[in-house]
């Protein structure tokens, strides 16, 4: 039987609980018989699952594919190329070489999924919003809070007022102070962090732009004016690495570089001043050890 540890199958598992009951039937069928499903047309798969053809299409879109053929291609690649075998849960007796192999494979697979599934038009629109924003705030909780801090560390160099908040009370108060022309970037992979979602909702009420870095179909994605949806790849087994955090950091880098390019030559002069200031603050290499 085919191993079901690839990112595509993790995506189905993680999205299953948020699906309609009829869509779950498709998910369960594919998880139990992937080798059979990959050779079937949409009507045959619907019949095997006990649902209608449109339900199969809704299932495909629920896990990030444009349609049935796009999903079939992803399923075939997962089985034929072997992505079902490169992602494994971490075992208690794994040593450093094995850990490195598993973690690197998981990370590479996740980043490749991001490049294939993210809505790049939405990323472009979010970049335009950030480039024009009078003020940018970054919110997150837990591991996503660390991403928010990293984002502020990068964006403050772009000569625009920025701040990062991980405290829930500060998030609410700061969101209440945002206005039209400001932007809030909210990070939550699950899209269910209550404090982050509540602050995003308040920011929308204040007519600020809200960019959400999350997964499809979440509360945060629904609230955001510009949702950037990550692939659902995180395996929740014990000791599995936080690949979702790395994907969020990749999105931060894409947005930051995009905004920098839109700012043009004037920003280059500003960045040079920052670099010169850092060079003056560092110790002279010749003084090392003295």
Protein backbone atom coordinates (compact mmCIF):
# COMPACT_ATOMS: atom_id res chain seq x y z
CA UNK A 1 0.00 0.00 0.00
CA UNK A 2 1.25 3.49 -0.84
CA UNK A 3 2.62 5.49 2.10
CA UNK A 4 0.48 8.56 2.75
CA UNK A 5 3.03 10.89 4.32
CA UNK A 6 3.52 13.31 1.41
CA UNK A 7 2.57 16.96 1.61
CA UNK A 8 -0.46 16.46 -0.70
CA UNK A 9 -1.90 13.87 1.66
CA UNK A 10 -1.05 16.00 4.71
CA UNK A 11 -2.91 18.83 2.98
CA UNK A 12 -5.99 16.64 2.57
CA UNK A 13 -5.83 15.46 6.19
CA UNK A 14 -5.44 18.97 7.58
CA UNK A 15 -8.22 20.43 5.42
CA UNK A 16 -10.64 17.55 6.05
CA UNK A 17 -12.21 18.86 9.27
CA UNK A 18 -13.10 22.15 7.58
CA UNK A 19 -14.81 20.46 4.62
CA UNK A 20 -18.49 19.77 4.12
CA UNK A 21 -19.56 16.20 4.96
CA UNK A 22 -19.90 15.35 1.26
CA UNK A 23 -16.38 16.64 0.53
CA UNK A 24 -15.00 14.53 3.38
CA UNK A 25 -16.23 11.44 1.55
CA UNK A 26 -13.95 12.34 -1.36
CA UNK A 27 -11.06 12.99 1.02
CA UNK A 28 -11.53 9.65 2.77
CA UNK A 29 -11.74 7.79 -0.54
CA UNK A 30 -8.53 9.33 -1.89
CA UNK A 31 -6.64 8.78 1.35
CA UNK A 32 -7.67 5.13 1.45
CA UNK A 33 -7.23 4.30 -2.26
CA UNK A 34 -4.90 6.83 -3.93
CA UNK A 35 -3.60 4.35 -6.53
CA UNK A 36 -7.14 3.64 -7.71
CA UNK A 37 -8.29 7.27 -7.55
CA UNK A 38 -5.44 8.52 -9.73
CA UNK A 39 -6.67 6.47 -12.71
CA UNK A 40 -10.32 7.57 -12.47
CA UNK A 41 -12.29 10.32 -14.14
CA UNK A 42 -14.40 12.74 -12.15
CA UNK A 43 -17.65 10.76 -12.56
CA UNK A 44 -16.04 7.47 -11.51
CA UNK A 45 -14.46 9.09 -8.47
CA UNK A 46 -17.77 10.70 -7.54
CA UNK A 47 -19.57 7.36 -7.84
CA UNK A 48 -16.96 5.57 -5.71
CA UNK A 49 -17.27 8.30 -3.06
CA UNK A 50 -21.07 8.33 -3.16
CA UNK A 51 -21.35 12.01 -4.08
CA UNK A 52 -21.88 14.23 -7.15
CA UNK A 53 -19.40 15.50 -9.75
CA UNK A 54 -19.62 19.14 -8.50
CA UNK A 55 -18.68 17.95 -5.00
CA UNK A 56 -15.45 16.49 -6.36
CA UNK A 57 -14.67 19.87 -7.94
CA UNK A 58 -15.35 21.65 -4.64
CA UNK A 59 -13.01 19.21 -2.90
CA UNK A 60 -10.22 19.94 -5.40
CA UNK A 61 -10.58 23.68 -4.82
CA UNK A 62 -10.74 23.21 -1.05
CA UNK A 63 -7.20 21.82 -1.05
CA UNK A 64 -5.80 24.51 -3.32
CA UNK A 65 -6.21 23.21 -6.88
CA UNK A 66 -7.89 25.07 -9.76
CA UNK A 67 -9.84 22.03 -10.91
CA UNK A 68 -10.04 18.27 -11.22
CA UNK A 69 -7.30 17.82 -13.83
CA UNK A 70 -4.94 20.03 -11.83
CA UNK A 71 -5.60 17.87 -8.76
CA UNK A 72 -5.16 14.62 -10.72
CA UNK A 73 -1.78 15.84 -11.93
CA UNK A 74 -0.70 16.63 -8.37
CA UNK A 75 -1.89 13.22 -7.17
CA UNK A 76 -0.09 11.42 -9.98
CA UNK A 77 3.13 13.30 -9.30
CA UNK A 78 2.93 12.52 -5.60
CA UNK A 79 2.65 8.81 -6.31
CA UNK A 80 5.01 8.53 -9.31
CA UNK A 81 7.78 10.92 -8.30
CA UNK A 82 7.79 9.86 -4.69
CA UNK A 83 6.73 12.92 -2.71
CA UNK A 84 4.61 10.50 -0.70
CA UNK A 85 7.84 9.08 0.67
CA UNK A 86 10.04 12.11 1.34
CA UNK A 87 8.09 13.48 4.28
CA UNK A 88 8.06 11.32 7.37
CA UNK A 89 7.22 12.03 10.99
CA UNK A 90 10.18 12.33 13.31
CA UNK A 91 10.93 9.15 15.27
CA UNK A 92 12.28 8.97 18.82
CA UNK A 93 15.45 7.16 17.73
CA UNK A 94 16.28 9.45 14.78
CA UNK A 95 19.89 10.68 14.81
CA UNK A 96 21.26 13.90 13.34
CA UNK A 97 21.78 12.69 9.73
CA UNK A 98 18.25 11.25 9.58
CA UNK A 99 16.74 14.33 11.17
CA UNK A 100 18.55 16.57 8.70
CA UNK A 101 17.34 14.50 5.75
CA UNK A 102 13.71 14.53 6.91
CA UNK A 103 13.62 18.20 7.84
CA UNK A 104 15.34 19.34 4.65
CA UNK A 105 13.04 17.18 2.51
CA UNK A 106 9.97 18.52 4.26
CA UNK A 107 11.12 22.12 3.88
CA UNK A 108 12.00 21.77 0.19
CA UNK A 109 8.67 20.08 -0.54
CA UNK A 110 6.76 22.80 1.33
CA UNK A 111 8.50 25.68 -0.45
CA UNK A 112 7.85 24.01 -3.82
CA UNK A 113 4.18 23.69 -2.88
CA UNK A 114 4.11 27.38 -1.98
CA UNK A 115 5.50 28.38 -5.37
CA UNK A 116 2.90 26.24 -7.17
CA UNK A 117 -0.24 27.05 -5.18
CA UNK A 118 -0.06 30.62 -3.85
CA UNK A 119 -2.20 33.27 -5.57
CA UNK A 120 0.51 35.49 -7.04
CA UNK A 121 -2.01 38.14 -8.15
CA UNK A 122 -2.98 38.49 -4.50
CA UNK A 123 0.68 38.79 -3.54
CA UNK A 124 1.13 41.57 -6.12
CA UNK A 125 -1.88 43.45 -4.76
CA UNK A 126 -0.62 43.07 -1.19
CA UNK A 127 2.78 44.38 -2.26
CA UNK A 128 1.14 47.44 -3.84
CA UNK A 129 -0.79 48.09 -0.61
CA UNK A 130 2.34 47.86 1.53
CA UNK A 131 4.33 50.08 -0.83
CA UNK A 132 1.70 52.81 -0.50
CA UNK A 133 0.92 52.39 3.22
CA UNK A 134 1.44 55.27 5.64
CA UNK A 135 1.97 52.80 8.48
CA UNK A 136 2.43 49.02 8.62
CA UNK A 137 1.68 46.81 11.63
CA UNK A 138 2.52 43.13 12.04
CA UNK A 139 0.53 40.84 14.35
CA UNK A 140 1.05 37.22 15.33
CA UNK A 141 0.84 34.83 18.28
CA UNK A 142 3.14 32.00 19.31
CA UNK A 143 5.41 30.87 16.47
CA UNK A 144 3.65 33.33 14.16
CA UNK A 145 4.51 36.08 16.62
CA UNK A 146 8.19 35.44 15.94
CA UNK A 147 7.44 35.84 12.22
CA UNK A 148 5.70 39.17 12.90
CA UNK A 149 8.80 40.43 14.72
CA UNK A 150 11.04 39.29 11.87
CA UNK A 151 8.79 41.08 9.37
CA UNK A 152 9.00 44.34 11.30
CA UNK A 153 12.78 43.98 11.48
CA UNK A 154 12.89 43.80 7.67
CA UNK A 155 10.24 46.36 6.78
CA UNK A 156 11.37 49.17 9.09
CA UNK A 157 14.41 49.56 6.84
CA UNK A 158 12.12 50.63 3.99
CA UNK A 159 11.63 54.09 5.51
CA UNK A 160 8.02 53.56 6.57
CA UNK A 161 6.66 53.55 10.17
CA UNK A 162 6.34 49.92 11.30
CA UNK A 163 5.63 48.06 14.52
CA UNK A 164 5.09 44.43 15.56
CA UNK A 165 2.80 43.34 18.39
CA UNK A 166 2.48 39.88 19.92
CA UNK A 167 0.59 40.96 23.05
CA UNK A 168 -3.18 40.53 22.46
CA UNK A 169 -4.17 43.73 24.27
CA UNK A 170 -1.66 45.76 22.30
CA UNK A 171 -2.93 44.18 19.09
CA UNK A 172 -6.50 45.26 19.82
CA UNK A 173 -5.54 48.79 20.85
CA UNK A 174 -3.23 49.30 17.90
CA UNK A 175 -5.82 47.94 15.46
CA UNK A 176 -8.32 50.44 16.85
CA UNK A 177 -5.90 53.27 15.97
CA UNK A 178 -5.46 52.25 12.33
CA UNK A 179 -7.17 54.21 9.56
CA UNK A 180 -7.62 54.16 5.80
CA UNK A 181 -4.16 54.20 4.25
CA UNK A 182 -2.64 52.02 6.98
CA UNK A 183 -1.92 48.31 6.59
CA UNK A 184 -2.01 45.39 9.01
CA UNK A 185 -0.21 42.13 8.20
CA UNK A 186 -1.60 39.28 10.32
CA UNK A 187 0.18 35.94 10.64
CA UNK A 188 -1.63 32.77 11.73
CA UNK A 189 -1.11 29.47 9.95
CA UNK A 190 -4.29 27.96 11.41
CA UNK A 191 -6.17 31.23 10.98
CA UNK A 192 -7.83 30.61 14.33
CA UNK A 193 -5.66 32.61 16.76
CA UNK A 194 -8.48 34.48 18.49
CA UNK A 195 -6.55 37.64 19.35
CA UNK A 196 -5.06 37.94 15.86
CA UNK A 197 -8.44 37.38 14.19
CA UNK A 198 -10.21 39.89 16.45
CA UNK A 199 -7.58 42.56 15.80
CA UNK A 200 -7.81 41.96 12.04
CA UNK A 201 -11.59 42.30 12.15
CA UNK A 202 -11.28 45.59 14.05
CA UNK A 203 -8.70 46.90 11.58
CA UNK A 204 -11.09 46.17 8.68
CA UNK A 205 -13.81 48.07 10.51
CA UNK A 206 -11.38 50.99 10.72
CA UNK A 207 -10.97 50.76 6.91
CA UNK A 208 -7.33 49.71 7.09
CA UNK A 209 -6.02 47.15 4.61
CA UNK A 210 -5.53 43.71 6.17
CA UNK A 211 -3.08 41.25 4.64
CA UNK A 212 -3.42 37.76 6.13
CA UNK A 213 -0.68 35.15 5.77
CA UNK A 214 -2.65 32.01 6.62
CA UNK A 215 -4.26 28.94 5.03
CA UNK A 216 -7.37 28.75 2.80
CA UNK A 217 -10.85 28.85 4.26
CA UNK A 218 -9.85 30.09 7.72
CA UNK A 219 -11.54 32.83 9.73
CA UNK A 220 -8.53 35.09 9.21
CA UNK A 221 -8.55 34.53 5.44
CA UNK A 222 -12.24 35.45 5.28
CA UNK A 223 -11.70 38.70 7.18
CA UNK A 224 -8.64 39.89 5.24
CA UNK A 225 -8.87 42.27 2.31
CA UNK A 226 -5.78 40.56 0.86
CA UNK A 227 -5.44 36.90 1.98
CA UNK A 228 -2.17 35.21 1.05
CA UNK A 229 -2.99 31.53 1.51
CA UNK A 230 -0.22 29.05 2.19
CA UNK A 231 -0.41 25.37 1.22
CA UNK A 232 -1.75 23.15 3.98
CA UNK A 233 1.34 21.01 4.59
CA UNK A 234 1.96 20.97 8.34
CA UNK A 235 1.93 17.46 9.78
CA UNK A 236 0.79 17.64 13.40
CA UNK A 237 2.62 14.55 14.63
CA UNK A 238 4.82 15.03 17.68
CA UNK A 239 8.32 16.39 16.94
CA UNK A 240 7.46 17.46 13.38
CA UNK A 241 9.30 20.71 12.43
CA UNK A 242 7.43 24.01 12.11
CA UNK A 243 7.52 24.16 8.33
CA UNK A 244 4.60 26.60 8.33
CA UNK A 245 6.78 29.19 10.05
CA UNK A 246 9.38 28.88 7.29
CA UNK A 247 6.71 29.42 4.63
CA UNK A 248 5.55 32.56 6.41
CA UNK A 249 9.13 33.84 6.44
CA UNK A 250 9.44 33.18 2.70
CA UNK A 251 6.30 35.26 2.11
CA UNK A 252 7.74 38.06 4.27
CA UNK A 253 10.89 38.12 2.14
CA UNK A 254 8.87 38.18 -1.10
CA UNK A 255 6.74 41.08 0.13
CA UNK A 256 9.69 43.03 1.52
CA UNK A 257 11.76 42.74 -1.66
CA UNK A 258 8.71 43.62 -3.76
CA UNK A 259 8.07 46.78 -1.74
CA UNK A 260 11.75 47.74 -1.92
CA UNK A 261 11.67 47.44 -5.72
CA UNK A 262 8.56 49.60 -5.92
CA UNK A 263 10.18 52.31 -3.78
CA UNK A 264 12.90 52.74 -6.39
CA UNK A 265 16.22 54.66 -6.32
CA UNK A 266 15.29 56.91 -3.39
CA UNK A 267 15.12 53.86 -1.13
CA UNK A 268 18.55 52.72 -2.32
CA UNK A 269 20.09 55.89 -0.88
CA UNK A 270 18.28 55.31 2.42
CA UNK A 271 19.46 51.71 2.63
CA UNK A 272 23.02 52.81 1.94
CA UNK A 273 22.85 55.23 4.89
CA UNK A 274 21.66 52.39 7.13
CA UNK A 275 24.47 50.14 5.93
CA UNK A 276 27.09 52.83 6.52
CA UNK A 277 25.76 53.40 10.04
CA UNK A 278 26.04 49.67 10.79
CA UNK A 279 29.59 49.53 9.48
CA UNK A 280 30.61 52.37 11.78
CA UNK A 281 29.01 50.62 14.75
CA UNK A 282 30.94 47.38 14.27
CA UNK A 283 34.31 46.57 15.77
CA UNK A 284 37.36 46.88 13.56
CA UNK A 285 38.45 43.32 12.55
CA UNK A 286 42.00 44.19 13.63
CA UNK A 287 40.78 44.70 17.19
CA UNK A 288 39.52 41.13 17.55
CA UNK A 289 41.13 39.38 20.48
CA UNK A 290 42.53 42.59 21.96
